[in-house]
Amino acid sequence: MWSGQEKAVGATFSKEEKAAMRAAAAEAKAAKAGADLEAACLAAIEEMTGSDKELAETLHQLVKKHTDLRAKTWYGMPAYTNADGKVVVFFQSAAKFNVRYATIGFQEAARLDEGNLWPNAYAVTKLTAADKKRVVELLTTAVR
C-alpha cells in the first residue's frame, strides 16, 4: 500500500517535466505530419544558451560526422535515432531542468551493453579533445 507521501510524490510533475511531456506530444504530431525533424533538432539547439548550446552543438557535429543517426527532438531536446526510429542518444540541457550539468544519455537502442553493468548517461560540463574522442567511441559502439 502507498503511503500518503509516496502517492503525492508519484502524482506530481514539475513544470519542466510537464513542458517536456507537451513537447513529446507535439513532436509525435509533427512527425506524423512529415515535419523536418532535423530542423526541429537544430531549432532546439539554437534556443539554448551558454555551455548547454555549445555542448549540444558539439554533440550534434560528432553524431553527424561519425554515425548515420537521424536528428530529431525528444521531449524537446536534441536526440538521434537509428533506422528503426528508436532514440539511441540524446542531449539534455542543464537549464531545462534547472540542474548543475547537462547530460548525454544513451537509450536501450544503443549497443553499449558490457557485462552486467554499464553507464547509460554522462554528466557533462564541457568537452575537451579527450572527452570528444570518448564520445565518438561511445557513439560508434552504440551504432555498431
C-alpha atoms as a PDB file:
ATOM      1  CA  MET A   1       0.000   0.000   0.000  1.00  0.00           C
ATOM      2  CA  TRP A   2       1.188   3.508  -0.818  1.00  0.00           C
ATOM      3  CA  SER A   3       1.796   5.954   1.973  1.00  0.00           C
ATOM      4  CA  GLY A   4       0.403   9.464   1.533  1.00  0.00           C
ATOM      5  CA  GLN A   5       3.877  10.870   0.890  1.00  0.00           C
ATOM      6  CA  GLU A   6       4.713   8.335  -1.853  1.00  0.00           C
ATOM      7  CA  LYS A   7       1.366   8.949  -3.536  1.00  0.00           C
ATOM      8  CA  ALA A   8       1.875  12.733  -3.560  1.00  0.00           C
ATOM      9  CA  VAL A   9       5.412  12.453  -4.962  1.00  0.00           C
ATOM     10  CA  GLY A  10       4.407   9.927  -7.631  1.00  0.00           C
ATOM     11  CA  ALA A  11       1.438  12.001  -8.783  1.00  0.00           C
ATOM     12  CA  THR A  12       3.272  15.334  -9.084  1.00  0.00           C
ATOM     13  CA  PHE A  13       5.291  16.559 -12.050  1.00  0.00           C
ATOM     14  CA  SER A  14       7.409  19.704 -12.135  1.00  0.00           C
ATOM     15  CA  LYS A  15       6.587  22.429 -14.634  1.00  0.00           C
ATOM     16  CA  GLU A  16       9.708  21.369 -16.576  1.00  0.00           C
ATOM     17  CA  GLU A  17       8.511  17.762 -16.714  1.00  0.00           C
ATOM     18  CA  LYS A  18       5.053  18.879 -17.845  1.00  0.00           C
ATOM     19  CA  ALA A  19       6.639  21.027 -20.577  1.00  0.00           C
ATOM     20  CA  ALA A  20       8.707  18.037 -21.713  1.00  0.00           C
ATOM     21  CA  MET A  21       5.576  15.883 -21.944  1.00  0.00           C
ATOM     22  CA  ARG A  22       3.822  18.577 -24.004  1.00  0.00           C
ATOM     23  CA  ALA A  23       6.892  18.750 -26.247  1.00  0.00           C
ATOM     24  CA  ALA A  24       6.795  14.973 -26.751  1.00  0.00           C
ATOM     25  CA  ALA A  25       3.148  15.127 -27.802  1.00  0.00           C
ATOM     26  CA  ALA A  26       3.890  17.967 -30.234  1.00  0.00           C
ATOM     27  CA  GLU A  27       6.859  16.034 -31.644  1.00  0.00           C
ATOM     28  CA  ALA A  28       4.726  12.971 -32.319  1.00  0.00           C
ATOM     29  CA  LYS A  29       2.148  15.115 -34.089  1.00  0.00           C
ATOM     30  CA  ALA A  30       4.839  16.890 -36.156  1.00  0.00           C
ATOM     31  CA  ALA A  31       6.448  13.584 -37.152  1.00  0.00           C
ATOM     32  CA  LYS A  32       3.069  12.253 -38.347  1.00  0.00           C
ATOM     33  CA  ALA A  33       2.622  15.418 -40.401  1.00  0.00           C
ATOM     34  CA  GLY A  34       6.001  14.911 -42.081  1.00  0.00           C
ATOM     35  CA  ALA A  35       7.800  17.801 -40.392  1.00  0.00           C
ATOM     36  CA  ASP A  36      11.543  18.329 -40.876  1.00  0.00           C
ATOM     37  CA  LEU A  37      12.781  16.596 -37.728  1.00  0.00           C
ATOM     38  CA  GLU A  38      16.407  17.678 -38.121  1.00  0.00           C
ATOM     39  CA  ALA A  39      15.306  21.299 -38.423  1.00  0.00           C
ATOM     40  CA  ALA A  40      13.411  20.877 -35.154  1.00  0.00           C
ATOM     41  CA  CYS A  41      16.556  19.481 -33.526  1.00  0.00           C
ATOM     42  CA  LEU A  42      18.639  22.395 -34.778  1.00  0.00           C
ATOM     43  CA  ALA A  43      15.982  24.842 -33.587  1.00  0.00           C
ATOM     44  CA  ALA A  44      16.053  23.259 -30.106  1.00  0.00           C
ATOM     45  CA  ILE A  45      19.835  23.672 -30.017  1.00  0.00           C
ATOM     46  CA  GLU A  46      19.565  27.256 -31.257  1.00  0.00           C
ATOM     47  CA  GLU A  47      17.213  28.108 -28.375  1.00  0.00           C
ATOM     48  CA  MET A  48      19.825  27.033 -25.824  1.00  0.00           C
ATOM     49  CA  THR A  49      22.375  29.403 -24.363  1.00  0.00           C
ATOM     50  CA  GLY A  50      25.871  29.249 -22.914  1.00  0.00           C
ATOM     51  CA  SER A  51      27.570  25.938 -22.342  1.00  0.00           C
ATOM     52  CA  ASP A  52      24.347  23.994 -22.999  1.00  0.00           C
ATOM     53  CA  LYS A  53      24.274  25.341 -26.544  1.00  0.00           C
ATOM     54  CA  GLU A  54      27.986  24.723 -27.072  1.00  0.00           C
ATOM     55  CA  LEU A  55      27.736  21.145 -25.779  1.00  0.00           C
ATOM     56  CA  ALA A  56      24.624  20.377 -27.844  1.00  0.00           C
ATOM     57  CA  GLU A  57      26.250  21.788 -30.997  1.00  0.00           C
ATOM     58  CA  THR A  58      29.364  19.699 -30.379  1.00  0.00           C
ATOM     59  CA  LEU A  59      27.357  16.522 -29.825  1.00  0.00           C
ATOM     60  CA  HIS A  60      25.319  17.234 -32.969  1.00  0.00           C
ATOM     61  CA  GLN A  61      28.516  17.649 -35.023  1.00  0.00           C
ATOM     62  CA  LEU A  62      30.025  14.445 -33.613  1.00  0.00           C
ATOM     63  CA  VAL A  63      26.856  12.443 -34.287  1.00  0.00           C
ATOM     64  CA  LYS A  64      26.582  13.755 -37.855  1.00  0.00           C
ATOM     65  CA  LYS A  65      30.275  13.151 -38.608  1.00  0.00           C
ATOM     66  CA  HIS A  66      30.662   9.703 -37.065  1.00  0.00           C
ATOM     67  CA  THR A  67      27.267   7.987 -37.391  1.00  0.00           C
ATOM     68  CA  ASP A  68      24.287   7.704 -39.696  1.00  0.00           C
ATOM     69  CA  LEU A  69      21.837   8.508 -36.893  1.00  0.00           C
ATOM     70  CA  ARG A  70      18.996  10.882 -37.718  1.00  0.00           C
ATOM     71  CA  ALA A  71      18.405  14.069 -35.733  1.00  0.00           C
ATOM     72  CA  LYS A  72      15.065  14.940 -34.132  1.00  0.00           C
ATOM     73  CA  THR A  73      13.810  16.256 -30.829  1.00  0.00           C
ATOM     74  CA  TRP A  74      12.728  14.069 -27.953  1.00  0.00           C
ATOM     75  CA  TYR A  75      10.900  15.697 -25.052  1.00  0.00           C
ATOM     76  CA  GLY A  76      12.052  18.998 -26.559  1.00  0.00           C
ATOM     77  CA  MET A  77      15.734  18.101 -26.511  1.00  0.00           C
ATOM     78  CA  PRO A  78      18.109  17.051 -29.328  1.00  0.00           C
ATOM     79  CA  ALA A  79      18.048  13.312 -29.964  1.00  0.00           C
ATOM     80  CA  TYR A  80      19.363  10.942 -32.595  1.00  0.00           C
ATOM     81  CA  THR A  81      17.588   7.849 -33.888  1.00  0.00           C
ATOM     82  CA  ASN A  82      18.569   4.702 -35.722  1.00  0.00           C
ATOM     83  CA  ALA A  83      16.978   3.459 -38.946  1.00  0.00           C
ATOM     84  CA  ASP A  84      14.131   1.936 -36.894  1.00  0.00           C
ATOM     85  CA  GLY A  85      13.327   5.373 -35.462  1.00  0.00           C
ATOM     86  CA  LYS A  86      14.458   4.433 -31.948  1.00  0.00           C
ATOM     87  CA  VAL A  87      16.364   7.027 -29.949  1.00  0.00           C
ATOM     88  CA  VAL A  88      19.972   5.959 -29.485  1.00  0.00           C
ATOM     89  CA  VAL A  89      21.484   9.074 -27.925  1.00  0.00           C
ATOM     90  CA  PHE A  90      20.080  12.339 -26.592  1.00  0.00           C
ATOM     91  CA  PHE A  91      21.230  15.594 -25.052  1.00  0.00           C
ATOM     92  CA  GLN A  92      19.524  17.169 -22.060  1.00  0.00           C
ATOM     93  CA  SER A  93      20.465  20.734 -21.214  1.00  0.00           C
ATOM     94  CA  ALA A  94      21.184  21.733 -17.645  1.00  0.00           C
ATOM     95  CA  ALA A  95      18.889  24.730 -17.951  1.00  0.00           C
ATOM     96  CA  LYS A  96      15.864  22.690 -18.990  1.00  0.00           C
ATOM     97  CA  PHE A  97      15.550  21.027 -15.594  1.00  0.00           C
ATOM     98  CA  ASN A  98      17.476  23.595 -13.547  1.00  0.00           C
ATOM     99  CA  VAL A  99      20.327  21.204 -12.716  1.00  0.00           C
ATOM    100  CA  ARG A 100      24.057  21.809 -12.474  1.00  0.00           C
ATOM    101  CA  TYR A 101      25.127  19.762 -15.507  1.00  0.00           C
ATOM    102  CA  ALA A 102      23.939  18.760 -18.956  1.00  0.00           C
ATOM    103  CA  THR A 103      23.517  15.092 -19.815  1.00  0.00           C
ATOM    104  CA  ILE A 104      24.461  12.967 -22.792  1.00  0.00           C
ATOM    105  CA  GLY A 105      22.339   9.865 -22.497  1.00  0.00           C
ATOM    106  CA  PHE A 106      22.012   6.593 -24.334  1.00  0.00           C
ATOM    107  CA  GLN A 107      18.769   4.699 -24.681  1.00  0.00           C
ATOM    108  CA  GLU A 108      18.174   0.966 -24.904  1.00  0.00           C
ATOM    109  CA  ALA A 109      18.756   1.005 -28.690  1.00  0.00           C
ATOM    110  CA  ALA A 110      22.407   1.945 -28.046  1.00  0.00           C
ATOM    111  CA  ARG A 111      24.571  -1.148 -28.184  1.00  0.00           C
ATOM    112  CA  LEU A 112      26.718  -0.271 -25.192  1.00  0.00           C
ATOM    113  CA  ASP A 113      25.974  -3.397 -23.160  1.00  0.00           C
ATOM    114  CA  GLU A 114      29.123  -4.570 -21.435  1.00  0.00           C
ATOM    115  CA  GLY A 115      28.838  -7.323 -18.848  1.00  0.00           C
ATOM    116  CA  ASN A 116      26.254  -6.818 -16.143  1.00  0.00           C
ATOM    117  CA  LEU A 117      26.810  -3.109 -15.538  1.00  0.00           C
ATOM    118  CA  TRP A 118      27.461  -0.173 -17.880  1.00  0.00           C
ATOM    119  CA  PRO A 119      26.772   3.563 -17.900  1.00  0.00           C
ATOM    120  CA  ASN A 120      23.909   4.913 -19.988  1.00  0.00           C
ATOM    121  CA  ALA A 121      24.179   8.632 -19.177  1.00  0.00           C
ATOM    122  CA  TYR A 122      27.010  11.052 -18.650  1.00  0.00           C
ATOM    123  CA  ALA A 123      27.029  14.348 -16.795  1.00  0.00           C
ATOM    124  CA  VAL A 124      28.877  16.898 -18.896  1.00  0.00           C
ATOM    125  CA  THR A 125      30.026  20.449 -18.189  1.00  0.00           C
ATOM    126  CA  LYS A 126      32.497  20.790 -21.062  1.00  0.00           C
ATOM    127  CA  LEU A 127      34.040  18.592 -23.747  1.00  0.00           C
ATOM    128  CA  THR A 128      37.815  18.545 -24.100  1.00  0.00           C
ATOM    129  CA  ALA A 129      39.535  16.854 -27.057  1.00  0.00           C
ATOM    130  CA  ALA A 130      39.886  13.684 -24.959  1.00  0.00           C
ATOM    131  CA  ASP A 131      36.206  13.866 -23.975  1.00  0.00           C
ATOM    132  CA  LYS A 132      35.168  14.261 -27.629  1.00  0.00           C
ATOM    133  CA  LYS A 133      37.254  11.208 -28.509  1.00  0.00           C
ATOM    134  CA  ARG A 134      35.445   9.224 -25.788  1.00  0.00           C
ATOM    135  CA  VAL A 135      32.043  10.417 -27.039  1.00  0.00           C
ATOM    136  CA  VAL A 136      32.958   9.301 -30.573  1.00  0.00           C
ATOM    137  CA  GLU A 137      33.972   5.880 -29.205  1.00  0.00           C
ATOM    138  CA  LEU A 138      30.642   5.605 -27.401  1.00  0.00           C
ATOM    139  CA  LEU A 139      28.701   6.694 -30.499  1.00  0.00           C
ATOM    140  CA  THR A 140      30.440   4.253 -32.816  1.00  0.00           C
ATOM    141  CA  THR A 141      29.958   1.424 -30.318  1.00  0.00           C
ATOM    142  CA  ALA A 142      26.305   2.402 -29.814  1.00  0.00           C
ATOM    143  CA  VAL A 143      25.504   2.076 -33.525  1.00  0.00           C
ATOM    144  CA  ARG A 144      27.562  -0.984 -34.461  1.00  0.00           C
END
